């Protein structure tokens, strides 16, 4: 995986079912957006379903550019 400038980046992932948390709505969104760490979530097909502000700063991609798209193959 590479950032927007083509530099390789290290990635570590944790899989967690957040279905219940998403049902909580705004509280979940506030926690994700205020996180200092990058939060990127993907569906079972690898499409981006969340990309917080920290991830936008670190990876150099806007949320709108990646939302609903496969980030990597």
N, C-alpha and C. Protein backbone atom coordinates (compact mmCIF):
# COMPACT_ATOMS: atom_id res chain seq x y z
N UNK A 1 0.84 -1.16 0.00
CA UNK A 1 0.00 0.00 0.00
C UNK A 1 0.89 1.23 0.00
N UNK A 2 0.42 2.28 -0.66
CA UNK A 2 1.19 3.52 -0.77
C UNK A 2 0.30 4.72 -0.43
N UNK A 3 0.94 5.81 0.00
CA UNK A 3 0.17 7.03 0.24
C UNK A 3 -0.01 7.77 -1.09
N UNK A 4 -0.63 8.95 -1.04
CA UNK A 4 -0.93 9.69 -2.26
C UNK A 4 0.32 10.10 -3.03
N UNK A 5 1.46 10.22 -2.32
CA UNK A 5 2.71 10.61 -2.97
C UNK A 5 3.49 9.40 -3.50
N UNK A 6 2.93 8.20 -3.35
CA UNK A 6 3.57 7.00 -3.86
C UNK A 6 4.54 6.36 -2.89
N UNK A 7 4.64 6.89 -1.64
CA UNK A 7 5.53 6.32 -0.65
C UNK A 7 4.89 5.09 -0.02
N UNK A 8 5.67 4.02 0.19
CA UNK A 8 5.10 2.84 0.82
C UNK A 8 4.73 3.13 2.27
N UNK A 9 3.66 2.54 2.74
CA UNK A 9 3.25 2.72 4.13
C UNK A 9 3.04 1.36 4.78
N UNK A 10 3.26 1.33 6.07
CA UNK A 10 3.03 0.11 6.84
C UNK A 10 1.57 0.11 7.28
N UNK A 11 0.98 -1.05 7.33
CA UNK A 11 -0.43 -1.15 7.67
C UNK A 11 -0.62 -2.26 8.68
N UNK A 12 -1.43 -2.01 9.67
CA UNK A 12 -1.81 -3.05 10.62
C UNK A 12 -3.31 -2.97 10.79
N UNK A 13 -3.96 -4.07 10.73
CA UNK A 13 -5.42 -4.05 10.79
C UNK A 13 -5.97 -4.89 11.91
N UNK A 14 -7.14 -4.49 12.34
CA UNK A 14 -7.89 -5.22 13.34
C UNK A 14 -9.30 -5.37 12.79
N UNK A 15 -9.79 -6.57 12.75
CA UNK A 15 -11.16 -6.80 12.29
C UNK A 15 -12.09 -6.81 13.48
N UNK A 16 -13.14 -6.03 13.39
CA UNK A 16 -14.12 -5.98 14.47
C UNK A 16 -15.48 -5.66 13.89
N UNK A 17 -16.49 -6.35 14.36
CA UNK A 17 -17.86 -6.09 13.93
C UNK A 17 -18.37 -4.84 14.65
N UNK A 18 -18.68 -3.79 13.88
CA UNK A 18 -19.13 -2.53 14.47
C UNK A 18 -20.60 -2.26 14.17
N UNK A 19 -21.34 -3.30 13.84
CA UNK A 19 -22.75 -3.15 13.49
C UNK A 19 -23.54 -2.46 14.60
N UNK A 20 -23.39 -2.94 15.81
CA UNK A 20 -24.13 -2.36 16.94
C UNK A 20 -23.71 -0.91 17.19
N UNK A 21 -22.42 -0.64 17.11
CA UNK A 21 -21.93 0.72 17.33
C UNK A 21 -22.49 1.69 16.29
N UNK A 22 -22.60 1.24 15.06
CA UNK A 22 -23.13 2.10 14.01
C UNK A 22 -24.61 2.40 14.23
N UNK A 23 -25.30 1.48 14.86
CA UNK A 23 -26.71 1.73 15.17
C UNK A 23 -26.86 2.86 16.17
N UNK A 24 -25.82 3.10 16.94
CA UNK A 24 -25.86 4.19 17.92
C UNK A 24 -25.79 5.56 17.24
N UNK A 25 -25.36 5.60 16.00
CA UNK A 25 -25.41 6.83 15.21
C UNK A 25 -24.36 7.86 15.55
N UNK A 26 -24.81 9.01 16.01
CA UNK A 26 -23.93 10.15 16.20
C UNK A 26 -22.78 9.90 17.16
N UNK A 27 -23.01 9.18 18.24
CA UNK A 27 -21.95 8.92 19.21
C UNK A 27 -20.79 8.20 18.54
N UNK A 28 -21.10 7.21 17.73
CA UNK A 28 -20.07 6.46 17.00
C UNK A 28 -19.31 7.40 16.07
N UNK A 29 -20.01 8.21 15.31
CA UNK A 29 -19.36 9.13 14.37
C UNK A 29 -18.46 10.12 15.09
N UNK A 30 -18.90 10.63 16.22
CA UNK A 30 -18.10 11.59 16.97
C UNK A 30 -16.80 10.96 17.46
N UNK A 31 -16.86 9.74 17.92
CA UNK A 31 -15.66 9.04 18.39
C UNK A 31 -14.70 8.81 17.24
N UNK A 32 -15.20 8.37 16.12
CA UNK A 32 -14.35 8.10 14.95
C UNK A 32 -13.69 9.38 14.46
N UNK A 33 -14.45 10.45 14.33
CA UNK A 33 -13.90 11.70 13.81
C UNK A 33 -12.90 12.36 14.75
N UNK A 34 -13.08 12.18 16.06
CA UNK A 34 -12.19 12.83 17.02
C UNK A 34 -10.96 11.99 17.35
N UNK A 35 -10.88 10.78 16.81
CA UNK A 35 -9.74 9.89 17.09
C UNK A 35 -8.45 10.47 16.52
N UNK A 36 -7.38 10.37 17.30
CA UNK A 36 -6.08 10.80 16.82
C UNK A 36 -5.47 9.76 15.89
N UNK A 37 -5.90 8.52 16.03
CA UNK A 37 -5.42 7.44 15.17
C UNK A 37 -6.24 7.36 13.90
N UNK A 38 -5.65 6.80 12.88
CA UNK A 38 -6.36 6.60 11.62
C UNK A 38 -7.42 5.51 11.81
N UNK A 39 -8.60 5.78 11.31
CA UNK A 39 -9.66 4.78 11.32
C UNK A 39 -10.15 4.63 9.89
N UNK A 40 -9.95 3.44 9.36
CA UNK A 40 -10.40 3.10 8.02
C UNK A 40 -11.19 1.82 8.15
N UNK A 41 -12.43 1.82 7.73
CA UNK A 41 -13.21 0.59 7.75
C UNK A 41 -13.58 0.24 6.31
N UNK A 42 -13.70 -1.06 6.10
CA UNK A 42 -14.05 -1.57 4.77
C UNK A 42 -15.08 -2.66 4.92
N UNK A 43 -15.87 -2.83 3.88
CA UNK A 43 -16.85 -3.91 3.88
C UNK A 43 -16.17 -5.20 3.45
N UNK A 44 -16.95 -6.26 3.35
CA UNK A 44 -16.38 -7.57 3.02
C UNK A 44 -15.79 -7.64 1.61
N UNK A 45 -16.04 -6.63 0.79
CA UNK A 45 -15.50 -6.59 -0.57
C UNK A 45 -14.29 -5.65 -0.68
N UNK A 46 -13.85 -5.10 0.45
CA UNK A 46 -12.69 -4.21 0.45
C UNK A 46 -13.01 -2.77 0.09
N UNK A 47 -14.30 -2.41 0.06
CA UNK A 47 -14.68 -1.03 -0.25
C UNK A 47 -14.66 -0.20 1.03
N UNK A 48 -14.12 1.01 0.94
CA UNK A 48 -14.01 1.90 2.09
C UNK A 48 -15.39 2.37 2.53
N UNK A 49 -15.67 2.18 3.83
CA UNK A 49 -16.94 2.62 4.39
C UNK A 49 -16.75 3.69 5.46
N UNK A 50 -15.52 3.92 5.88
CA UNK A 50 -15.19 5.00 6.81
C UNK A 50 -13.74 5.37 6.61
N UNK A 51 -13.46 6.65 6.69
CA UNK A 51 -12.10 7.17 6.49
C UNK A 51 -12.05 8.48 7.27
N UNK A 52 -11.55 8.44 8.50
CA UNK A 52 -11.65 9.62 9.36
C UNK A 52 -10.62 10.69 9.00
N UNK A 53 -10.69 11.81 9.71
CA UNK A 53 -9.81 12.95 9.42
C UNK A 53 -8.34 12.60 9.59
N UNK A 54 -8.02 11.83 10.63
CA UNK A 54 -6.62 11.43 10.83
C UNK A 54 -6.11 10.62 9.64
N UNK A 55 -6.93 9.72 9.12
CA UNK A 55 -6.54 8.93 7.95
C UNK A 55 -6.34 9.83 6.74
N UNK A 56 -7.17 10.83 6.60
CA UNK A 56 -7.02 11.74 5.47
C UNK A 56 -5.69 12.48 5.54
N UNK A 57 -5.30 12.91 6.75
CA UNK A 57 -4.03 13.61 6.91
C UNK A 57 -2.84 12.68 6.66
N UNK A 58 -2.88 11.48 7.21
CA UNK A 58 -1.74 10.56 7.11
C UNK A 58 -1.57 10.01 5.70
N UNK A 59 -2.66 9.58 5.08
CA UNK A 59 -2.56 8.92 3.79
C UNK A 59 -2.65 9.88 2.61
N UNK A 60 -3.13 11.09 2.85
CA UNK A 60 -3.17 12.09 1.78
C UNK A 60 -4.32 11.94 0.79
N UNK A 61 -5.32 11.15 1.15
CA UNK A 61 -6.50 10.98 0.30
C UNK A 61 -7.71 11.58 1.00
N UNK A 62 -8.60 12.15 0.25
CA UNK A 62 -9.84 12.66 0.84
C UNK A 62 -10.82 11.50 1.01
N UNK A 63 -11.71 11.66 1.97
CA UNK A 63 -12.75 10.65 2.19
C UNK A 63 -13.57 10.46 0.93
N UNK A 64 -13.91 11.55 0.27
CA UNK A 64 -14.78 11.46 -0.92
C UNK A 64 -14.09 10.70 -2.06
N UNK A 65 -12.77 10.75 -2.11
CA UNK A 65 -12.06 10.03 -3.17
C UNK A 65 -12.12 8.52 -2.99
N UNK A 66 -12.13 8.07 -1.72
CA UNK A 66 -12.07 6.63 -1.46
C UNK A 66 -13.41 6.01 -1.09
N UNK A 67 -14.37 6.80 -0.66
CA UNK A 67 -15.64 6.27 -0.17
C UNK A 67 -16.30 5.34 -1.18
N UNK A 68 -16.58 4.13 -0.77
CA UNK A 68 -17.26 3.17 -1.64
C UNK A 68 -16.38 2.50 -2.67
N UNK A 69 -15.09 2.82 -2.66
CA UNK A 69 -14.17 2.22 -3.63
C UNK A 69 -13.21 1.28 -2.92
N UNK A 70 -12.67 0.34 -3.69
CA UNK A 70 -11.63 -0.53 -3.14
C UNK A 70 -10.35 0.27 -3.05
N UNK A 71 -9.75 0.28 -1.88
CA UNK A 71 -8.55 1.06 -1.68
C UNK A 71 -7.35 0.36 -2.28
N UNK A 72 -7.29 -0.95 -2.16
CA UNK A 72 -6.23 -1.73 -2.76
C UNK A 72 -6.76 -3.11 -3.09
N UNK A 73 -6.04 -3.80 -3.94
CA UNK A 73 -6.50 -5.14 -4.34
C UNK A 73 -5.83 -6.21 -3.54
